[in-house]
Amino acid sequence: MKIIEKRFERGFVKVIPENFLDLWYLSKLIKSKDKITAKTVRNIFIEREGKKEKSRKKTLILSIEVEKIELEENKLRIKGKIVEAPEEVQRGSYHTIEIGIGGKILIEKKEWEKEQIEKIEKAEKRIKKAFSLKDFFIHLNKEDGLAVYGIEEVKNSALIGAVKTVFVPLEKFDKKIEEVVEEVERKGGEIEFVSKKEDLGKKFIEEYGIGAILRFK
């Protein structure tokens, strides 16, 4: 996560998500009633003699009050009512802002909780992963007990704090897997998202689904 500007005492932070993990962090951080501002595309209607005749797409900067958040494979969809916009856009109407990897977003809250600030700063300071998917297969082939796979095995390992790094299937990210990811994070483990487009990713997702390298067995 790249932080462009942070003024928590004034209620806002401006960030750029750099990977899917950052998007996931933002999906947990942004809440209903928060205000977000970002560049977006919207249909603008052209009026003639008081009648709306046609529309055109225009890129502009809007602010919305958040009502709903959805995390997809490579973007965050945030829906809400427009609260700030150019004159040509009707305030109070609904709009969905999409934030992808590399997109800039300003998040404003009436009050930032300590845990939320820590999550932002943790995401910013996140260092390069200690283990790669290749390491997972090395441990698996060695049969040393430090590689586990399958939702139940990984979940049980996470509950006792044994997971050092969990490898999460990007294309199959659902509620059950998210619960495991949250448990790994609480216990201080690392999270790495794996895509079918990556080297070894397709084999890993099709054969194992979710896996982890353990601190201990």
Protein backbone atom coordinates (compact mmCIF):
# COMPACT_ATOMS: atom_id res chain seq x y z
CA MET A 1 0.00 0.00 0.00
CA LYS A 2 1.39 3.35 -0.98
CA ILE A 3 0.31 6.21 1.27
CA ILE A 4 0.18 9.52 -0.59
CA GLU A 5 -1.00 11.61 2.35
CA LYS A 6 -2.29 10.85 5.83
CA ARG A 7 -3.97 13.25 8.24
CA PHE A 8 -5.80 10.98 10.64
CA GLU A 9 -6.29 13.87 13.05
CA ARG A 10 -8.21 15.62 10.25
CA GLY A 11 -10.05 12.44 9.31
CA PHE A 12 -8.51 11.35 6.03
CA VAL A 13 -5.88 9.28 4.24
CA LYS A 14 -5.03 9.08 0.54
CA VAL A 15 -3.63 5.75 -0.68
CA ILE A 16 -2.82 3.67 -3.75
CA PRO A 17 -3.40 -0.12 -3.52
CA GLU A 18 -0.46 -1.95 -5.10
CA ASN A 19 -1.78 -5.53 -5.12
CA PHE A 20 -4.86 -7.63 -4.35
CA LEU A 21 -3.92 -7.86 -0.67
CA ASP A 22 -4.12 -4.06 -0.46
CA LEU A 23 -7.57 -4.15 -2.08
CA TRP A 24 -8.63 -6.72 0.51
CA TYR A 25 -7.33 -4.52 3.33
CA LEU A 26 -9.33 -1.59 1.93
CA SER A 27 -12.47 -3.72 1.66
CA LYS A 28 -12.25 -4.36 5.41
CA LEU A 29 -11.23 -0.79 6.25
CA ILE A 30 -13.89 1.18 4.36
CA LYS A 31 -17.22 1.22 6.18
CA SER A 32 -20.75 2.43 5.53
CA LYS A 33 -21.08 6.23 5.94
CA ASP A 34 -17.40 6.80 5.12
CA LYS A 35 -16.72 9.32 2.39
CA ILE A 36 -14.46 8.35 -0.48
CA THR A 37 -13.15 10.45 -3.35
CA ALA A 38 -11.64 9.09 -6.54
CA LYS A 39 -11.43 9.47 -10.30
CA THR A 40 -14.27 7.65 -12.02
CA VAL A 41 -16.30 7.41 -15.23
CA ARG A 42 -19.97 8.42 -15.36
CA ASN A 43 -22.62 8.91 -18.01
CA ILE A 44 -23.43 12.60 -18.32
CA PHE A 45 -26.80 13.51 -19.85
CA ILE A 46 -27.05 16.42 -22.26
CA GLU A 47 -30.12 18.60 -21.78
CA ARG A 48 -31.84 20.49 -24.57
CA GLU A 49 -34.86 22.65 -23.86
CA GLY A 50 -35.15 21.06 -20.42
CA LYS A 51 -35.13 17.49 -21.74
CA LYS A 52 -32.43 14.84 -21.38
CA GLU A 53 -31.63 13.65 -24.87
CA LYS A 54 -28.47 11.58 -24.76
CA SER A 55 -25.50 10.82 -22.58
CA ARG A 56 -21.76 10.63 -22.92
CA LYS A 57 -19.14 9.03 -20.72
CA LYS A 58 -16.90 11.44 -18.88
CA THR A 59 -13.96 10.94 -16.54
CA LEU A 60 -14.24 13.09 -13.43
CA ILE A 61 -13.60 13.16 -9.69
CA LEU A 62 -16.53 12.34 -7.41
CA SER A 63 -17.08 11.94 -3.68
CA ILE A 64 -19.65 9.45 -2.40
CA GLU A 65 -20.99 8.43 0.98
CA VAL A 66 -20.40 4.68 1.13
CA GLU A 67 -23.31 2.26 1.32
CA LYS A 68 -21.97 -0.98 -0.19
CA ILE A 69 -18.53 -2.49 -0.88
CA GLU A 70 -17.73 -5.46 -3.13
CA LEU A 71 -14.32 -7.04 -3.64
CA GLU A 72 -13.72 -8.62 -7.03
CA GLU A 73 -10.71 -10.35 -8.57
CA ASN A 74 -8.80 -7.19 -9.44
CA LYS A 75 -10.88 -4.29 -8.19
CA LEU A 76 -12.97 -2.84 -5.39
CA ARG A 77 -16.50 -1.66 -6.23
CA ILE A 78 -17.81 1.00 -3.84
CA LYS A 79 -21.42 2.16 -4.16
CA GLY A 80 -23.01 5.17 -2.52
CA LYS A 81 -24.71 8.54 -2.89
CA ILE A 82 -22.82 11.38 -4.54
CA VAL A 83 -22.03 14.14 -2.03
CA GLU A 84 -19.50 16.20 -3.99
CA ALA A 85 -19.28 16.53 -7.77
CA PRO A 86 -19.02 18.97 -10.68
CA GLU A 87 -22.18 20.96 -11.48
CA GLU A 88 -23.12 18.65 -14.35
CA VAL A 89 -23.58 15.72 -11.93
CA GLN A 90 -26.64 15.52 -9.69
CA ARG A 91 -25.79 15.26 -6.00
CA GLY A 92 -27.75 12.65 -4.09
CA SER A 93 -27.83 10.28 -7.05
CA TYR A 94 -26.12 6.91 -6.82
CA HIS A 95 -22.77 5.99 -8.30
CA THR A 96 -20.32 3.09 -8.10
CA ILE A 97 -16.62 3.89 -7.98
CA GLU A 98 -14.23 1.15 -9.06
CA ILE A 99 -10.75 1.10 -7.55
CA GLY A 100 -8.20 -1.17 -9.17
CA ILE A 101 -4.55 -1.87 -8.42
CA GLY A 102 -2.71 1.42 -8.91
CA GLY A 103 -5.84 3.54 -8.44
CA LYS A 104 -5.75 6.52 -6.08
CA ILE A 105 -8.43 6.84 -3.39
CA LEU A 106 -9.11 9.36 -0.61
CA ILE A 107 -10.84 7.87 2.45
CA GLU A 108 -12.51 10.09 5.03
CA LYS A 109 -13.96 8.97 8.37
CA LYS A 110 -15.58 10.93 11.16
CA GLU A 111 -13.27 9.08 13.52
CA TRP A 112 -10.38 6.71 12.85
CA GLU A 113 -10.02 3.80 15.25
CA LYS A 114 -6.55 2.83 16.43
CA GLU A 115 -6.87 -0.60 14.81
CA GLN A 116 -7.75 0.97 11.45
CA ILE A 117 -4.72 3.26 11.53
CA GLU A 118 -2.48 0.31 12.41
CA LYS A 119 -3.89 -1.70 9.49
CA ILE A 120 -3.10 1.10 7.03
CA GLU A 121 0.44 1.51 8.35
CA LYS A 122 1.02 -2.25 8.42
CA ALA A 123 0.00 -2.51 4.78
CA GLU A 124 2.39 0.33 3.90
CA LYS A 125 5.34 -1.27 5.66
CA ARG A 126 4.71 -4.78 4.39
CA ILE A 127 8.05 -6.28 3.36
CA LYS A 128 8.76 -8.73 0.56
CA LYS A 129 7.42 -12.18 1.28
CA ALA A 130 9.67 -14.60 3.09
CA PHE A 131 8.39 -17.63 1.19
CA SER A 132 7.26 -18.20 -2.37
CA LEU A 133 4.95 -20.79 -3.87
CA LYS A 134 8.09 -22.61 -4.99
CA ASP A 135 9.03 -23.03 -1.32
CA PHE A 136 5.63 -24.59 -0.66
CA PHE A 137 6.28 -27.27 -3.28
CA ILE A 138 9.81 -27.86 -1.94
CA HIS A 139 8.45 -28.60 1.54
CA LEU A 140 5.66 -30.70 0.05
CA ASN A 141 8.11 -32.85 -1.94
CA LYS A 142 10.43 -33.23 1.06
CA GLU A 143 7.46 -34.45 3.12
CA ASP A 144 8.86 -32.63 6.15
CA GLY A 145 5.41 -31.75 7.48
CA LEU A 146 5.90 -28.01 7.02
CA ALA A 147 3.52 -27.73 4.05
CA VAL A 148 -0.22 -28.30 4.45
CA TYR A 149 -3.12 -27.82 2.06
CA GLY A 150 -6.89 -27.94 1.97
CA ILE A 151 -9.22 -25.57 3.79
CA GLU A 152 -9.55 -27.65 6.99
CA GLU A 153 -5.84 -28.41 7.38
CA VAL A 154 -4.86 -24.79 6.83
CA LYS A 155 -7.63 -23.53 9.12
CA ASN A 156 -6.60 -25.85 11.96
CA SER A 157 -2.97 -24.80 11.59
CA ALA A 158 -3.98 -21.14 11.60
CA LEU A 159 -5.98 -21.54 14.80
CA ILE A 160 -2.89 -22.68 16.73
CA GLY A 161 -0.68 -19.99 15.21
CA ALA A 162 1.39 -22.43 13.16
CA VAL A 163 0.99 -20.73 9.77
CA LYS A 164 3.99 -18.71 8.61
CA THR A 165 2.67 -18.02 5.09
CA VAL A 166 -0.71 -18.87 3.61
CA PHE A 167 -1.15 -19.11 -0.16
CA VAL A 168 -4.64 -18.03 -1.19
CA PRO A 169 -6.31 -18.73 -4.57
CA LEU A 170 -7.23 -15.37 -6.08
CA GLU A 171 -9.88 -16.80 -8.39
CA LYS A 172 -11.56 -18.82 -5.61
CA PHE A 173 -11.48 -16.27 -2.80
CA ASP A 174 -14.70 -16.74 -0.79
CA LYS A 175 -16.03 -16.29 2.75
CA LYS A 176 -14.54 -19.54 4.10
CA ILE A 177 -11.10 -18.70 2.76
CA GLU A 178 -11.40 -15.11 3.99
CA GLU A 179 -12.02 -16.39 7.53
CA VAL A 180 -8.80 -18.41 7.34
CA VAL A 181 -6.89 -15.39 6.01
CA GLU A 182 -8.17 -13.23 8.88
CA GLU A 183 -7.07 -15.86 11.41
CA VAL A 184 -3.60 -16.06 9.86
CA GLU A 185 -3.32 -12.28 10.00
CA ARG A 186 -4.39 -12.18 13.66
CA LYS A 187 -1.66 -14.69 14.50
CA GLY A 188 1.01 -12.68 12.67
CA GLY A 189 1.30 -14.86 9.56
CA GLU A 190 1.92 -13.66 6.02
CA ILE A 191 -0.68 -13.70 3.24
CA GLU A 192 0.14 -14.32 -0.41
CA PHE A 193 -2.50 -14.39 -3.14
CA VAL A 194 -1.92 -16.82 -5.99
CA SER A 195 -3.34 -16.49 -9.51
CA LYS A 196 -3.75 -19.12 -12.21
CA LYS A 197 -1.82 -16.75 -14.47
CA GLU A 198 1.35 -17.07 -12.36
CA ASP A 199 4.06 -19.72 -12.60
CA LEU A 200 2.96 -22.77 -10.58
CA GLY A 201 -0.29 -20.95 -9.77
CA LYS A 202 -2.53 -23.03 -12.03
CA LYS A 203 -1.11 -26.32 -10.70
CA PHE A 204 -1.40 -25.14 -7.09
CA ILE A 205 -5.01 -23.94 -7.37
CA GLU A 206 -6.26 -26.98 -9.29
CA GLU A 207 -4.53 -29.58 -7.11
CA TYR A 208 -4.44 -27.99 -3.64
CA GLY A 209 -6.78 -24.97 -3.60
CA ILE A 210 -5.27 -23.31 -0.54
CA GLY A 211 -1.99 -24.13 1.18
CA ALA A 212 0.45 -22.93 3.80
CA ILE A 213 4.02 -23.16 5.00
CA LEU A 214 4.18 -23.73 8.75
CA ARG A 215 6.38 -22.35 11.50
CA PHE A 216 6.23 -25.68 13.28
CA LYS A 217 4.48 -29.02 12.87
